[in-house]
């Protein structure tokens, strides 16, 4: 099972990190750091990974707050 999950994440790469970070910072209770470390282990570009994860983890709650203030759910 872990091999297939790992292959999915590696195939999606940066987009997979983006989606996992977004979900982890909004509705799903898991740490996206595990995915980040997996991609680092697979020799992805470390500065790009850090930037993507940081931006998404900052923007996701902001989008939720804006949505709540507008009373328009995402």
PDB file of N, CA and C in Angstrom:
ATOM      1  N   UNK A   1       0.811  -1.196   0.000  1.00  0.00           N
ATOM      2  CA  UNK A   1       0.000   0.000   0.000  1.00  0.00           C
ATOM      3  C   UNK A   1       0.854   1.260   0.000  1.00  0.00           C
ATOM      4  N   UNK A   2       1.912   1.261   0.834  1.00  0.00           N
ATOM      5  CA  UNK A   2       2.752   2.450   0.902  1.00  0.00           C
ATOM      6  C   UNK A   2       3.519   2.677  -0.389  1.00  0.00           C
ATOM      7  N   UNK A   3       3.843   1.597  -1.093  1.00  0.00           N
ATOM      8  CA  UNK A   3       4.552   1.746  -2.358  1.00  0.00           C
ATOM      9  C   UNK A   3       3.679   2.443  -3.382  1.00  0.00           C
ATOM     10  N   UNK A   4       2.391   2.098  -3.425  1.00  0.00           N
ATOM     11  CA  UNK A   4       1.506   2.732  -4.396  1.00  0.00           C
ATOM     12  C   UNK A   4       1.258   4.195  -4.019  1.00  0.00           C
ATOM     13  N   UNK A   5       1.118   4.489  -2.728  1.00  0.00           N
ATOM     14  CA  UNK A   5       0.955   5.869  -2.294  1.00  0.00           C
ATOM     15  C   UNK A   5       2.198   6.681  -2.628  1.00  0.00           C
ATOM     16  N   UNK A   6       3.345   6.084  -2.407  1.00  0.00           N
ATOM     17  CA  UNK A   6       4.601   6.761  -2.716  1.00  0.00           C
ATOM     18  C   UNK A   6       4.722   7.028  -4.208  1.00  0.00           C
ATOM     19  N   UNK A   7       4.366   6.064  -5.035  1.00  0.00           N
ATOM     20  CA  UNK A   7       4.470   6.267  -6.484  1.00  0.00           C
ATOM     21  C   UNK A   7       3.483   7.335  -6.968  1.00  0.00           C
ATOM     22  N   UNK A   8       2.299   7.386  -6.366  1.00  0.00           N
ATOM     23  CA  UNK A   8       1.339   8.434  -6.743  1.00  0.00           C
ATOM     24  C   UNK A   8       1.910   9.808  -6.413  1.00  0.00           C
ATOM     25  N   UNK A   9       2.454   9.955  -5.208  1.00  0.00           N
ATOM     26  CA  UNK A   9       2.989  11.253  -4.801  1.00  0.00           C
ATOM     27  C   UNK A   9       4.179  11.667  -5.648  1.00  0.00           C
ATOM     28  N   UNK A  10       5.041  10.728  -5.970  1.00  0.00           N
ATOM     29  CA  UNK A  10       6.204  11.051  -6.791  1.00  0.00           C
ATOM     30  C   UNK A  10       5.766  11.408  -8.208  1.00  0.00           C
ATOM     31  N   UNK A  11       4.751  10.726  -8.731  1.00  0.00           N
ATOM     32  CA  UNK A  11       4.267  11.045 -10.072  1.00  0.00           C
ATOM     33  C   UNK A  11       3.632  12.432 -10.131  1.00  0.00           C
ATOM     34  N   UNK A  12       2.916  12.821  -9.082  1.00  0.00           N
ATOM     35  CA  UNK A  12       2.296  14.144  -9.067  1.00  0.00           C
ATOM     36  C   UNK A  12       3.266  15.237  -8.631  1.00  0.00           C
ATOM     37  N   UNK A  13       4.295  14.882  -7.894  1.00  0.00           N
ATOM     38  CA  UNK A  13       5.361  15.811  -7.528  1.00  0.00           C
ATOM     39  C   UNK A  13       4.885  17.077  -6.854  1.00  0.00           C
ATOM     40  N   UNK A  14       5.178  18.214  -7.481  1.00  0.00           N
ATOM     41  CA  UNK A  14       4.870  19.509  -6.894  1.00  0.00           C
ATOM     42  C   UNK A  14       3.368  19.741  -6.763  1.00  0.00           C
ATOM     43  N   UNK A  15       2.598  19.277  -7.718  1.00  0.00           N
ATOM     44  CA  UNK A  15       1.141  19.418  -7.649  1.00  0.00           C
ATOM     45  C   UNK A  15       0.596  18.589  -6.491  1.00  0.00           C
ATOM     46  N   UNK A  16       1.138  17.399  -6.298  1.00  0.00           N
ATOM     47  CA  UNK A  16       0.731  16.566  -5.172  1.00  0.00           C
ATOM     48  C   UNK A  16       1.037  17.227  -3.842  1.00  0.00           C
ATOM     49  N   UNK A  17       2.197  17.868  -3.747  1.00  0.00           N
ATOM     50  CA  UNK A  17       2.546  18.594  -2.527  1.00  0.00           C
ATOM     51  C   UNK A  17       1.593  19.762  -2.312  1.00  0.00           C
ATOM     52  N   UNK A  18       1.263  20.471  -3.386  1.00  0.00           N
ATOM     53  CA  UNK A  18       0.328  21.589  -3.301  1.00  0.00           C
ATOM     54  C   UNK A  18      -1.021  21.119  -2.759  1.00  0.00           C
ATOM     55  N   UNK A  19      -1.564  20.066  -3.347  1.00  0.00           N
ATOM     56  CA  UNK A  19      -2.872  19.559  -2.923  1.00  0.00           C
ATOM     57  C   UNK A  19      -2.832  19.022  -1.490  1.00  0.00           C
ATOM     58  N   UNK A  20      -1.798  18.268  -1.167  1.00  0.00           N
ATOM     59  CA  UNK A  20      -1.690  17.713   0.180  1.00  0.00           C
ATOM     60  C   UNK A  20      -1.542  18.818   1.225  1.00  0.00           C
ATOM     61  N   UNK A  21      -0.761  19.839   0.924  1.00  0.00           N
ATOM     62  CA  UNK A  21      -0.586  20.945   1.863  1.00  0.00           C
ATOM     63  C   UNK A  21      -1.882  21.721   2.036  1.00  0.00           C
ATOM     64  N   UNK A  22      -2.603  21.912   0.938  1.00  0.00           N
ATOM     65  CA  UNK A  22      -3.882  22.619   1.022  1.00  0.00           C
ATOM     66  C   UNK A  22      -4.873  21.846   1.881  1.00  0.00           C
ATOM     67  N   UNK A  23      -4.984  20.559   1.626  1.00  0.00           N
ATOM     68  CA  UNK A  23      -5.918  19.744   2.400  1.00  0.00           C
ATOM     69  C   UNK A  23      -5.513  19.655   3.865  1.00  0.00           C
ATOM     70  N   UNK A  24      -4.210  19.539   4.114  1.00  0.00           N
ATOM     71  CA  UNK A  24      -3.738  19.434   5.492  1.00  0.00           C
ATOM     72  C   UNK A  24      -3.965  20.724   6.271  1.00  0.00           C
ATOM     73  N   UNK A  25      -3.932  21.851   5.593  1.00  0.00           N
ATOM     74  CA  UNK A  25      -4.103  23.112   6.315  1.00  0.00           C
ATOM     75  C   UNK A  25      -5.554  23.573   6.360  1.00  0.00           C
ATOM     76  N   UNK A  26      -6.468  22.809   5.764  1.00  0.00           N
ATOM     77  CA  UNK A  26      -7.874  23.206   5.817  1.00  0.00           C
ATOM     78  C   UNK A  26      -8.743  22.143   6.475  1.00  0.00           C
ATOM     79  N   UNK A  27      -8.933  20.974   5.843  1.00  0.00           N
ATOM     80  CA  UNK A  27      -9.961  20.055   6.332  1.00  0.00           C
ATOM     81  C   UNK A  27      -9.457  18.690   6.796  1.00  0.00           C
ATOM     82  N   UNK A  28      -8.336  18.235   6.341  1.00  0.00           N
ATOM     83  CA  UNK A  28      -7.862  16.906   6.718  1.00  0.00           C
ATOM     84  C   UNK A  28      -6.791  16.988   7.806  1.00  0.00           C
ATOM     85  N   UNK A  29      -6.958  16.236   8.863  1.00  0.00           N
ATOM     86  CA  UNK A  29      -5.988  16.302   9.968  1.00  0.00           C
ATOM     87  C   UNK A  29      -4.781  15.380   9.747  1.00  0.00           C
ATOM     88  N   UNK A  30      -3.876  15.794   8.902  1.00  0.00           N
ATOM     89  CA  UNK A  30      -2.630  15.052   8.731  1.00  0.00           C
ATOM     90  C   UNK A  30      -1.517  16.054   8.442  1.00  0.00           C
ATOM     91  N   UNK A  31      -0.300  15.600   8.594  1.00  0.00           N
ATOM     92  CA  UNK A  31       0.836  16.476   8.359  1.00  0.00           C
ATOM     93  C   UNK A  31       1.365  16.337   6.945  1.00  0.00           C
ATOM     94  N   UNK A  32       1.436  17.422   6.255  1.00  0.00           N
ATOM     95  CA  UNK A  32       1.985  17.387   4.899  1.00  0.00           C
ATOM     96  C   UNK A  32       3.509  17.305   4.919  1.00  0.00           C
ATOM     97  N   UNK A  33       4.084  17.400   6.109  1.00  0.00           N
ATOM     98  CA  UNK A  33       5.543  17.322   6.228  1.00  0.00           C
ATOM     99  C   UNK A  33       6.078  15.965   5.788  1.00  0.00           C
ATOM    100  N   UNK A  34       5.287  14.924   5.989  1.00  0.00           N
ATOM    101  CA  UNK A  34       5.703  13.582   5.563  1.00  0.00           C
ATOM    102  C   UNK A  34       5.866  13.548   4.049  1.00  0.00           C
ATOM    103  N   UNK A  35       4.921  14.148   3.349  1.00  0.00           N
ATOM    104  CA  UNK A  35       4.989  14.201   1.890  1.00  0.00           C
ATOM    105  C   UNK A  35       6.170  15.055   1.452  1.00  0.00           C
ATOM    106  N   UNK A  36       6.385  16.152   2.160  1.00  0.00           N
ATOM    107  CA  UNK A  36       7.524  17.013   1.856  1.00  0.00           C
ATOM    108  C   UNK A  36       8.836  16.238   1.990  1.00  0.00           C
ATOM    109  N   UNK A  37       8.979  15.489   3.076  1.00  0.00           N
ATOM    110  CA  UNK A  37      10.206  14.715   3.279  1.00  0.00           C
ATOM    111  C   UNK A  37      10.366  13.609   2.239  1.00  0.00           C
ATOM    112  N   UNK A  38       9.263  12.998   1.832  1.00  0.00           N
ATOM    113  CA  UNK A  38       9.310  11.973   0.788  1.00  0.00           C
ATOM    114  C   UNK A  38       9.822  12.571  -0.518  1.00  0.00           C
ATOM    115  N   UNK A  39       9.332  13.750  -0.870  1.00  0.00           N
ATOM    116  CA  UNK A  39       9.778  14.393  -2.109  1.00  0.00           C
ATOM    117  C   UNK A  39      11.224  14.863  -2.017  1.00  0.00           C
ATOM    118  N   UNK A  40      11.659  15.284  -0.829  1.00  0.00           N
ATOM    119  CA  UNK A  40      13.073  15.630  -0.637  1.00  0.00           C
ATOM    120  C   UNK A  40      13.931  14.389  -0.830  1.00  0.00           C
ATOM    121  N   UNK A  41      13.466  13.264  -0.284  1.00  0.00           N
ATOM    122  CA  UNK A  41      14.190  12.001  -0.430  1.00  0.00           C
ATOM    123  C   UNK A  41      14.272  11.557  -1.895  1.00  0.00           C
ATOM    124  N   UNK A  42      13.265  11.927  -2.692  1.00  0.00           N
ATOM    125  CA  UNK A  42      13.248  11.554  -4.115  1.00  0.00           C
ATOM    126  C   UNK A  42      13.975  12.569  -4.991  1.00  0.00           C
ATOM    127  N   UNK A  43      14.730  13.458  -4.365  1.00  0.00           N
ATOM    128  CA  UNK A  43      15.614  14.415  -5.048  1.00  0.00           C
ATOM    129  C   UNK A  43      14.875  15.507  -5.808  1.00  0.00           C
ATOM    130  N   UNK A  44      13.701  15.931  -5.299  1.00  0.00           N
ATOM    131  CA  UNK A  44      13.041  17.096  -5.875  1.00  0.00           C
ATOM    132  C   UNK A  44      13.784  18.346  -5.414  1.00  0.00           C
ATOM    133  N   UNK A  45      13.565  19.455  -6.084  1.00  0.00           N
ATOM    134  CA  UNK A  45      14.228  20.711  -5.782  1.00  0.00           C
ATOM    135  C   UNK A  45      13.766  21.222  -4.413  1.00  0.00           C
ATOM    136  N   UNK A  46      14.674  21.257  -3.447  1.00  0.00           N
ATOM    137  CA  UNK A  46      14.323  21.593  -2.068  1.00  0.00           C
ATOM    138  C   UNK A  46      13.784  23.023  -1.930  1.00  0.00           C
ATOM    139  N   UNK A  47      14.423  24.042  -2.507  1.00  0.00           N
ATOM    140  CA  UNK A  47      13.846  25.388  -2.376  1.00  0.00           C
ATOM    141  C   UNK A  47      12.433  25.494  -2.971  1.00  0.00           C
ATOM    142  N   UNK A  48      12.193  24.832  -4.081  1.00  0.00           N
ATOM    143  CA  UNK A  48      10.856  24.860  -4.679  1.00  0.00           C
ATOM    144  C   UNK A  48       9.840  24.171  -3.774  1.00  0.00           C
ATOM    145  N   UNK A  49      10.217  23.068  -3.169  1.00  0.00           N
ATOM    146  CA  UNK A  49       9.320  22.370  -2.246  1.00  0.00           C
ATOM    147  C   UNK A  49       8.967  23.243  -1.046  1.00  0.00           C
ATOM    148  N   UNK A  50       9.966  23.907  -0.493  1.00  0.00           N
ATOM    149  CA  UNK A  50       9.736  24.758   0.674  1.00  0.00           C
ATOM    150  C   UNK A  50       8.838  25.934   0.316  1.00  0.00           C
ATOM    151  N   UNK A  51       9.075  26.538  -0.833  1.00  0.00           N
ATOM    152  CA  UNK A  51       8.252  27.674  -1.259  1.00  0.00           C
ATOM    153  C   UNK A  51       6.810  27.244  -1.475  1.00  0.00           C
ATOM    154  N   UNK A  52       6.605  26.134  -2.181  1.00  0.00           N
ATOM    155  CA  UNK A  52       5.244  25.657  -2.445  1.00  0.00           C
ATOM    156  C   UNK A  52       4.520  25.349  -1.141  1.00  0.00           C
ATOM    157  N   UNK A  53       5.150  24.600  -0.264  1.00  0.00           N
ATOM    158  CA  UNK A  53       4.509  24.228   0.992  1.00  0.00           C
ATOM    159  C   UNK A  53       4.213  25.454   1.852  1.00  0.00           C
ATOM    160  N   UNK A  54       5.129  26.384   1.920  1.00  0.00           N
ATOM    161  CA  UNK A  54       4.940  27.576   2.749  1.00  0.00           C
ATOM    162  C   UNK A  54       3.815  28.458   2.219  1.00  0.00           C
ATOM    163  N   UNK A  55       3.798  28.673   0.922  1.00  0.00           N
ATOM    164  CA  UNK A  55       2.767  29.529   0.329  1.00  0.00           C
ATOM    165  C   UNK A  55       1.387  28.911   0.506  1.00  0.00           C
ATOM    166  N   UNK A  56       1.277  27.619   0.269  1.00  0.00           N
ATOM    167  CA  UNK A  56      -0.027  26.965   0.386  1.00  0.00           C
ATOM    168  C   UNK A  56      -0.506  26.947   1.831  1.00  0.00           C
ATOM    169  N   UNK A  57       0.385  26.648   2.765  1.00  0.00           N
ATOM    170  CA  UNK A  57      -0.014  26.588   4.169  1.00  0.00           C
ATOM    171  C   UNK A  57      -0.414  27.977   4.678  1.00  0.00           C
ATOM    172  N   UNK A  58       0.120  29.028   4.085  1.00  0.00           N
ATOM    173  CA  UNK A  58      -0.302  30.380   4.441  1.00  0.00           C
ATOM    174  C   UNK A  58      -1.616  30.754   3.749  1.00  0.00           C
ATOM    175  N   UNK A  59      -1.753  30.444   2.465  1.00  0.00           N
ATOM    176  CA  UNK A  59      -2.912  30.898   1.697  1.00  0.00           C
ATOM    177  C   UNK A  59      -4.198  30.126   1.981  1.00  0.00           C
ATOM    178  N   UNK A  60      -4.110  28.861   2.295  1.00  0.00           N
ATOM    179  CA  UNK A  60      -5.318  28.054   2.494  1.00  0.00           C
ATOM    180  C   UNK A  60      -6.203  28.605   3.615  1.00  0.00           C
ATOM    181  N   UNK A  61      -5.684  28.889   4.804  1.00  0.00           N
ATOM    182  CA  UNK A  61      -6.556  29.470   5.834  1.00  0.00           C
ATOM    183  C   UNK A  61      -7.071  30.862   5.451  1.00  0.00           C
ATOM    184  N   UNK A  62      -6.271  31.630   4.736  1.00  0.00           N
ATOM    185  CA  UNK A  62      -6.717  32.948   4.292  1.00  0.00           C
ATOM    186  C   UNK A  62      -7.926  32.806   3.377  1.00  0.00           C
ATOM    187  N   UNK A  63      -7.891  31.846   2.454  1.00  0.00           N
ATOM    188  CA  UNK A  63      -9.036  31.612   1.571  1.00  0.00           C
ATOM    189  C   UNK A  63     -10.261  31.165   2.348  1.00  0.00           C
ATOM    190  N   UNK A  64     -10.065  30.351   3.360  1.00  0.00           N
ATOM    191  CA  UNK A  64     -11.191  29.910   4.190  1.00  0.00           C
ATOM    192  C   UNK A  64     -11.782  31.092   4.953  1.00  0.00           C
ATOM    193  N   UNK A  65     -10.947  31.941   5.506  1.00  0.00           N
ATOM    194  CA  UNK A  65     -11.434  33.113   6.237  1.00  0.00           C
ATOM    195  C   UNK A  65     -12.201  34.044   5.304  1.00  0.00           C
ATOM    196  N   UNK A  66     -11.679  34.285   4.122  1.00  0.00           N
ATOM    197  CA  UNK A  66     -12.381  35.124   3.150  1.00  0.00           C
ATOM    198  C   UNK A  66     -13.724  34.511   2.790  1.00  0.00           C
ATOM    199  N   UNK A  67     -13.744  33.217   2.617  1.00  0.00           N
ATOM    200  CA  UNK A  67     -14.994  32.531   2.281  1.00  0.00           C
ATOM    201  C   UNK A  67     -16.011  32.660   3.407  1.00  0.00           C
ATOM    202  N   UNK A  68     -15.574  32.539   4.644  1.00  0.00           N
ATOM    203  CA  UNK A  68     -16.489  32.657   5.784  1.00  0.00           C
ATOM    204  C   UNK A  68     -16.999  34.092   5.904  1.00  0.00           C
ATOM    205  N   UNK A  69     -16.126  35.050   5.709  1.00  0.00           N
ATOM    206  CA  UNK A  69     -16.547  36.439   5.803  1.00  0.00           C
ATOM    207  C   UNK A  69     -17.542  36.817   4.708  1.00  0.00           C
ATOM    208  N   UNK A  70     -17.409  36.217   3.555  1.00  0.00           N
ATOM    209  CA  UNK A  70     -18.334  36.480   2.450  1.00  0.00           C
ATOM    210  C   UNK A  70     -19.594  35.643   2.576  1.00  0.00           C
ATOM    211  N   UNK A  71     -19.610  34.697   3.512  1.00  0.00           N
ATOM    212  CA  UNK A  71     -20.698  33.752   3.696  1.00  0.00           C
ATOM    213  C   UNK A  71     -20.950  32.941   2.424  1.00  0.00           C
ATOM    214  N   UNK A  72     -19.867  32.627   1.749  1.00  0.00           N
ATOM    215  CA  UNK A  72     -19.925  31.870   0.508  1.00  0.00           C
ATOM    216  C   UNK A  72     -18.965  30.690   0.651  1.00  0.00           C
ATOM    217  N   UNK A  73     -19.449  29.504   1.046  1.00  0.00           N
ATOM    218  CA  UNK A  73     -18.525  28.385   1.277  1.00  0.00           C
ATOM    219  C   UNK A  73     -17.779  27.976   0.022  1.00  0.00           C
ATOM    220  N   UNK A  74     -16.573  27.505   0.224  1.00  0.00           N
ATOM    221  CA  UNK A  74     -15.736  27.075  -0.903  1.00  0.00           C
ATOM    222  C   UNK A  74     -16.309  25.889  -1.615  1.00  0.00           C
TER     223      UNK A  74
END
